[in-house]
Amino acid sequence: MSKVSNETVSRAKIEEARLRALKSLEEMTPEEDAAITANALADPDNPPADDLMRRRGRPPLARPKEAIKLRLDADVLDKFRESGPGWQTRLNDALRKAAGLN
């Protein structure tokens, strides 16, 4: 079976599963939904999906860094770049020190 036909079969299976899930949701009574939700919330190993999604990645900063266009002398950039990875952070630290923010 070719890759294209495998993808077509997979998409068809996914669509079939989606339609079955939607049909099940339509047939579910409010009482069944409430019971399932209560049981899921009572299970400590099964946190709500929105709780899981909130934990992904870094939390947002109160004052995030801004991307700006800044023209600097080439020798200044060369000096920081030759120090290796993290040179932007070191440049930011040097600017903070010069501004009296450290």
Protein backbone atom coordinates (compact mmCIF):
# COMPACT_ATOMS: atom_id res chain seq x y z
CA MET A 1 0.00 0.00 0.00
CA SER A 2 1.40 3.37 -0.94
CA LYS A 3 2.02 6.22 1.48
CA VAL A 4 -0.78 8.24 -0.12
CA SER A 5 -3.33 5.49 0.35
CA ASN A 6 -2.16 4.95 3.95
CA GLU A 7 -2.74 8.64 4.65
CA THR A 8 -6.17 8.44 3.03
CA VAL A 9 -7.10 5.42 5.16
CA SER A 10 -5.80 7.13 8.31
CA ARG A 11 -7.78 10.28 7.57
CA ALA A 12 -10.89 8.20 6.93
CA LYS A 13 -10.44 6.38 10.26
CA ILE A 14 -9.93 9.67 12.10
CA GLU A 15 -13.04 11.15 10.50
CA GLU A 16 -15.03 8.02 11.36
CA ALA A 17 -13.89 8.21 14.99
CA ARG A 18 -14.75 11.91 15.12
CA LEU A 19 -18.26 11.25 13.81
CA ARG A 20 -18.78 8.41 16.34
CA ALA A 21 -17.62 10.69 19.17
CA LEU A 22 -19.98 13.47 18.06
CA LYS A 23 -22.86 10.98 17.87
CA SER A 24 -22.07 9.73 21.38
CA LEU A 25 -22.04 13.30 22.67
CA GLU A 26 -25.43 13.97 21.10
CA GLU A 27 -26.89 10.84 22.69
CA MET A 28 -25.45 11.57 26.15
CA THR A 29 -27.93 12.79 28.73
CA PRO A 30 -27.06 15.70 31.02
CA GLU A 31 -27.09 13.25 33.96
CA GLU A 32 -24.53 10.98 32.26
CA ASP A 33 -22.37 13.97 31.43
CA ALA A 34 -22.52 15.19 35.04
CA ALA A 35 -21.63 11.72 36.37
CA ILE A 36 -18.67 11.35 34.01
CA THR A 37 -17.43 14.84 34.85
CA ALA A 38 -17.76 14.24 38.61
CA ASN A 39 -15.86 10.95 38.37
CA ALA A 40 -13.11 12.51 36.28
CA LEU A 41 -12.72 15.43 38.70
CA ALA A 42 -12.58 13.03 41.67
CA ASP A 43 -9.66 11.11 40.12
CA PRO A 44 -6.36 12.70 41.31
CA ASP A 45 -4.49 11.05 38.43
CA ASN A 46 -6.79 12.64 35.86
CA PRO A 47 -6.50 16.44 36.01
CA PRO A 48 -8.80 18.44 33.72
CA ALA A 49 -7.30 19.01 30.28
CA ASP A 50 -7.34 22.80 30.68
CA ASP A 51 -5.15 22.44 33.79
CA LEU A 52 -2.67 20.42 31.75
CA MET A 53 -2.62 23.01 29.00
CA ARG A 54 -1.90 25.84 31.42
CA ARG A 55 1.22 24.08 32.70
CA ARG A 56 2.94 23.93 29.33
CA GLY A 57 5.78 26.29 28.64
CA ARG A 58 7.04 29.18 30.68
CA PRO A 59 4.57 31.39 32.51
CA PRO A 60 4.06 34.76 30.86
CA LEU A 61 6.26 37.58 32.15
CA ALA A 62 4.71 40.69 33.68
CA ARG A 63 7.09 42.79 31.55
CA PRO A 64 8.28 40.69 28.59
CA LYS A 65 11.34 41.69 26.61
CA GLU A 66 10.77 43.77 23.50
CA ALA A 67 12.25 43.13 20.09
CA ILE A 68 13.70 46.38 18.74
CA LYS A 69 15.97 47.43 15.93
CA LEU A 70 19.18 48.89 17.35
CA ARG A 71 22.24 49.97 15.42
CA LEU A 72 25.51 49.22 17.22
CA ASP A 73 29.13 49.52 16.18
CA ALA A 74 30.44 46.37 14.50
CA ASP A 75 33.35 46.02 16.93
CA VAL A 76 30.95 46.07 19.90
CA LEU A 77 28.85 43.30 18.36
CA ASP A 78 31.96 41.32 17.40
CA LYS A 79 33.22 41.48 21.00
CA PHE A 80 29.96 40.07 22.39
CA ARG A 81 29.48 37.51 19.60
CA GLU A 82 32.98 36.09 19.98
CA SER A 83 32.15 35.23 23.59
CA GLY A 84 29.85 32.49 22.26
CA PRO A 85 26.22 31.51 22.81
CA GLY A 86 24.30 33.78 25.16
CA TRP A 87 25.93 36.92 23.84
CA GLN A 88 22.57 38.73 23.61
CA THR A 89 21.94 38.09 27.31
CA ARG A 90 25.41 39.37 28.18
CA LEU A 91 24.83 42.45 26.04
CA ASN A 92 21.52 43.04 27.82
CA ASP A 93 23.26 42.66 31.21
CA ALA A 94 25.94 45.18 30.17
CA LEU A 95 23.25 47.66 29.11
CA ARG A 96 21.38 47.17 32.41
CA LYS A 97 24.60 47.82 34.34
CA ALA A 98 25.36 50.94 32.27
CA ALA A 99 21.82 52.18 32.92
CA GLY A 100 22.21 51.59 36.68
CA LEU A 101 19.50 48.91 36.77
CA ASN A 102 21.63 46.20 38.43
